[in-house]
């Protein structure tokens, strides 16, 4: 059974969004919390070193923000491809 071209384009765009957003989350959680920790620890946020803050709190905040960005992107993609619920 052949998959319609519209569905194929929709799924490809969805996977692209997921890849970019997960890459951002990885860069923030692994990069800022581990790789760039020494550089970020020169600064503080709320009394805590910034590298520690990103490792403990920052990556969670970024993840929640990325969830809202994903919802917004998917709503736009749904409308573009005719899959919106309204």
N, C-alpha and C. Protein backbone atom coordinates (compact mmCIF):
# COMPACT_ATOMS: atom_id res chain seq x y z
N UNK A 1 0.84 -1.18 0.00
CA UNK A 1 0.00 0.00 0.00
C UNK A 1 0.89 1.24 0.00
N UNK A 2 0.69 2.10 -0.95
CA UNK A 2 1.51 3.30 -1.10
C UNK A 2 1.07 4.39 -0.13
N UNK A 3 2.05 5.08 0.42
CA UNK A 3 1.78 6.20 1.33
C UNK A 3 1.61 7.45 0.48
N UNK A 4 0.54 8.24 0.70
CA UNK A 4 0.35 9.48 -0.07
C UNK A 4 1.53 10.44 0.11
N UNK A 5 1.82 11.18 -0.92
CA UNK A 5 2.96 12.11 -0.90
C UNK A 5 2.80 13.17 0.20
N UNK A 6 1.57 13.62 0.43
CA UNK A 6 1.32 14.61 1.48
C UNK A 6 1.71 14.06 2.85
N UNK A 7 1.36 12.82 3.12
CA UNK A 7 1.71 12.19 4.39
C UNK A 7 3.22 11.99 4.52
N UNK A 8 3.87 11.67 3.43
CA UNK A 8 5.32 11.49 3.43
C UNK A 8 6.03 12.81 3.75
N UNK A 9 5.58 13.89 3.14
CA UNK A 9 6.17 15.21 3.41
C UNK A 9 5.92 15.64 4.85
N UNK A 10 4.72 15.35 5.34
CA UNK A 10 4.37 15.68 6.72
C UNK A 10 5.30 14.94 7.69
N UNK A 11 5.48 13.65 7.48
CA UNK A 11 6.31 12.86 8.38
C UNK A 11 7.77 13.29 8.30
N UNK A 12 8.26 13.60 7.11
CA UNK A 12 9.63 14.05 6.94
C UNK A 12 9.87 15.36 7.70
N UNK A 13 8.91 16.29 7.59
CA UNK A 13 9.04 17.56 8.32
C UNK A 13 8.98 17.33 9.83
N UNK A 14 8.12 16.42 10.26
CA UNK A 14 8.01 16.10 11.69
C UNK A 14 9.33 15.54 12.21
N UNK A 15 9.94 14.64 11.49
CA UNK A 15 11.23 14.08 11.91
C UNK A 15 12.33 15.14 11.93
N UNK A 16 12.28 16.07 10.99
CA UNK A 16 13.26 17.16 10.98
C UNK A 16 13.10 18.04 12.22
N UNK A 17 11.85 18.37 12.56
CA UNK A 17 11.60 19.15 13.77
C UNK A 17 12.12 18.43 15.01
N UNK A 18 11.82 17.13 15.11
CA UNK A 18 12.27 16.35 16.25
C UNK A 18 13.79 16.33 16.35
N UNK A 19 14.46 16.12 15.24
CA UNK A 19 15.92 16.05 15.24
C UNK A 19 16.54 17.37 15.70
N UNK A 20 16.03 18.48 15.19
CA UNK A 20 16.58 19.79 15.55
C UNK A 20 16.33 20.09 17.02
N UNK A 21 15.11 19.83 17.49
CA UNK A 21 14.78 20.14 18.88
C UNK A 21 15.55 19.24 19.85
N UNK A 22 15.71 17.97 19.52
CA UNK A 22 16.49 17.08 20.38
C UNK A 22 17.97 17.45 20.37
N UNK A 23 18.47 17.92 19.23
CA UNK A 23 19.85 18.38 19.17
C UNK A 23 20.06 19.60 20.06
N UNK A 24 19.09 20.51 20.05
CA UNK A 24 19.17 21.69 20.93
C UNK A 24 19.18 21.25 22.39
N UNK A 25 18.28 20.32 22.73
CA UNK A 25 18.22 19.86 24.12
C UNK A 25 19.52 19.16 24.52
N UNK A 26 20.06 18.35 23.62
CA UNK A 26 21.33 17.68 23.91
C UNK A 26 22.44 18.70 24.11
N UNK A 27 22.50 19.70 23.24
CA UNK A 27 23.55 20.72 23.35
C UNK A 27 23.45 21.46 24.67
N UNK A 28 22.24 21.76 25.11
CA UNK A 28 22.07 22.49 26.37
C UNK A 28 22.38 21.58 27.56
N UNK A 29 21.81 20.38 27.56
CA UNK A 29 21.99 19.52 28.74
C UNK A 29 23.40 18.95 28.83
N UNK A 30 23.92 18.42 27.74
CA UNK A 30 25.26 17.83 27.77
C UNK A 30 26.34 18.89 27.62
N UNK A 31 26.13 19.80 26.66
CA UNK A 31 27.14 20.82 26.40
C UNK A 31 27.31 21.78 27.55
N UNK A 32 26.20 22.42 27.97
CA UNK A 32 26.30 23.42 29.03
C UNK A 32 26.53 22.79 30.40
N UNK A 33 25.98 21.61 30.62
CA UNK A 33 26.11 20.98 31.93
C UNK A 33 27.41 20.24 32.13
N UNK A 34 28.05 19.81 31.03
CA UNK A 34 29.26 18.99 31.17
C UNK A 34 30.45 19.59 30.41
N UNK A 35 30.30 19.77 29.10
CA UNK A 35 31.44 20.19 28.28
C UNK A 35 31.90 21.61 28.57
N UNK A 36 30.95 22.55 28.68
CA UNK A 36 31.30 23.96 28.88
C UNK A 36 31.15 24.39 30.33
N UNK A 37 31.12 23.42 31.23
CA UNK A 37 30.89 23.68 32.66
C UNK A 37 31.94 24.63 33.23
N UNK A 38 33.19 24.39 32.92
CA UNK A 38 34.25 25.22 33.49
C UNK A 38 34.13 26.68 33.03
N UNK A 39 33.81 26.88 31.76
CA UNK A 39 33.63 28.25 31.27
C UNK A 39 32.42 28.90 31.90
N UNK A 40 31.31 28.17 31.99
CA UNK A 40 30.07 28.74 32.54
C UNK A 40 30.16 28.97 34.04
N UNK A 41 31.01 28.23 34.73
CA UNK A 41 31.13 28.39 36.18
C UNK A 41 31.78 29.71 36.57
N UNK A 42 32.27 30.46 35.61
CA UNK A 42 32.79 31.80 35.91
C UNK A 42 31.66 32.75 36.29
N UNK A 43 30.46 32.41 35.91
CA UNK A 43 29.28 33.24 36.15
C UNK A 43 28.35 32.52 37.12
N UNK A 44 27.48 33.29 37.75
CA UNK A 44 26.53 32.66 38.67
C UNK A 44 25.11 33.13 38.36
N UNK A 45 24.17 32.31 38.76
CA UNK A 45 22.75 32.61 38.59
C UNK A 45 22.04 32.17 39.85
N UNK A 46 21.46 33.12 40.56
CA UNK A 46 20.78 32.80 41.80
C UNK A 46 21.69 32.27 42.88
N UNK A 47 22.96 32.66 42.85
CA UNK A 47 23.90 32.21 43.85
C UNK A 47 24.59 30.90 43.51
N UNK A 48 24.24 30.30 42.39
CA UNK A 48 24.85 29.03 41.98
C UNK A 48 25.70 29.25 40.74
N UNK A 49 26.75 28.47 40.62
CA UNK A 49 27.57 28.55 39.41
C UNK A 49 26.72 28.15 38.21
N UNK A 50 26.91 28.85 37.09
CA UNK A 50 26.05 28.67 35.93
C UNK A 50 26.14 27.26 35.34
N UNK A 51 27.33 26.66 35.35
CA UNK A 51 27.47 25.29 34.85
C UNK A 51 26.66 24.31 35.69
N UNK A 52 26.71 24.48 37.01
CA UNK A 52 25.91 23.64 37.91
C UNK A 52 24.43 23.88 37.67
N UNK A 53 24.04 25.15 37.50
CA UNK A 53 22.63 25.47 37.29
C UNK A 53 22.10 24.81 36.02
N UNK A 54 22.87 24.87 34.93
CA UNK A 54 22.42 24.22 33.70
C UNK A 54 22.31 22.71 33.87
N UNK A 55 23.24 22.12 34.60
CA UNK A 55 23.19 20.67 34.80
C UNK A 55 21.98 20.28 35.63
N UNK A 56 21.59 21.10 36.61
CA UNK A 56 20.52 20.73 37.52
C UNK A 56 19.16 21.26 37.09
N UNK A 57 19.08 22.49 36.60
CA UNK A 57 17.79 23.12 36.33
C UNK A 57 17.62 23.56 34.88
N UNK A 58 18.67 24.12 34.32
CA UNK A 58 18.57 24.74 33.00
C UNK A 58 18.12 23.81 31.91
N UNK A 59 18.62 22.58 31.90
CA UNK A 59 18.24 21.65 30.84
C UNK A 59 16.76 21.26 30.96
N UNK A 60 16.24 21.23 32.19
CA UNK A 60 14.82 20.93 32.37
C UNK A 60 13.97 22.08 31.84
N UNK A 61 14.36 23.31 32.15
CA UNK A 61 13.62 24.47 31.64
C UNK A 61 13.64 24.51 30.12
N UNK A 62 14.80 24.26 29.55
CA UNK A 62 14.91 24.25 28.09
C UNK A 62 14.03 23.16 27.50
N UNK A 63 13.99 21.99 28.13
CA UNK A 63 13.15 20.90 27.65
C UNK A 63 11.67 21.30 27.65
N UNK A 64 11.21 21.94 28.70
CA UNK A 64 9.81 22.37 28.77
C UNK A 64 9.53 23.42 27.69
N UNK A 65 10.44 24.34 27.49
CA UNK A 65 10.27 25.35 26.43
C UNK A 65 10.22 24.67 25.06
N UNK A 66 11.08 23.67 24.85
CA UNK A 66 11.10 22.96 23.57
C UNK A 66 9.80 22.19 23.34
N UNK A 67 9.15 21.73 24.38
CA UNK A 67 7.84 21.07 24.23
C UNK A 67 6.84 22.06 23.64
N UNK A 68 6.81 23.28 24.19
CA UNK A 68 5.88 24.29 23.66
C UNK A 68 6.24 24.69 22.23
N UNK A 69 7.52 24.77 21.93
CA UNK A 69 7.95 25.08 20.55
C UNK A 69 7.51 23.96 19.61
N UNK A 70 7.65 22.71 20.05
CA UNK A 70 7.24 21.57 19.22
C UNK A 70 5.73 21.60 18.97
N UNK A 71 4.95 21.91 19.98
CA UNK A 71 3.49 22.00 19.80
C UNK A 71 3.16 23.09 18.79
N UNK A 72 3.81 24.23 18.91
CA UNK A 72 3.55 25.33 17.98
C UNK A 72 3.94 24.94 16.55
N UNK A 73 5.11 24.32 16.40
CA UNK A 73 5.55 23.89 15.07
C UNK A 73 4.61 22.84 14.47
N UNK A 74 4.17 21.90 15.30
CA UNK A 74 3.29 20.84 14.79
C UNK A 74 1.91 21.39 14.43
N UNK A 75 1.42 22.37 15.17
CA UNK A 75 0.14 22.98 14.80
C UNK A 75 0.24 23.67 13.44
N UNK A 76 1.36 24.35 13.21
CA UNK A 76 1.57 24.97 11.89
C UNK A 76 1.67 23.91 10.80
N UNK A 77 2.39 22.82 11.09
CA UNK A 77 2.56 21.76 10.11
C UNK A 77 1.24 21.06 9.82
N UNK A 78 0.43 20.85 10.86
CA UNK A 78 -0.89 20.24 10.67
C UNK A 78 -1.76 21.08 9.74
N UNK A 79 -1.77 22.39 9.96
CA UNK A 79 -2.56 23.28 9.10
C UNK A 79 -2.04 23.26 7.67
N UNK A 80 -0.73 23.26 7.52
CA UNK A 80 -0.12 23.27 6.19
C UNK A 80 -0.50 22.04 5.38
N UNK A 81 -0.57 20.88 6.04
CA UNK A 81 -0.84 19.64 5.34
C UNK A 81 -2.28 19.16 5.47
N UNK A 82 -3.13 19.97 6.08
CA UNK A 82 -4.55 19.63 6.16
C UNK A 82 -4.91 18.62 7.23
N UNK A 83 -4.11 18.51 8.28
CA UNK A 83 -4.39 17.58 9.37
C UNK A 83 -4.88 18.27 10.63
N UNK A 84 -5.19 19.58 10.53
CA UNK A 84 -5.60 20.28 11.74
C UNK A 84 -6.99 19.82 12.17
N UNK A 85 -7.26 19.93 13.46
CA UNK A 85 -8.50 19.41 14.03
C UNK A 85 -9.65 20.39 13.90
N UNK A 86 -9.39 21.63 13.63
CA UNK A 86 -10.48 22.64 13.57
C UNK A 86 -10.99 22.79 12.16
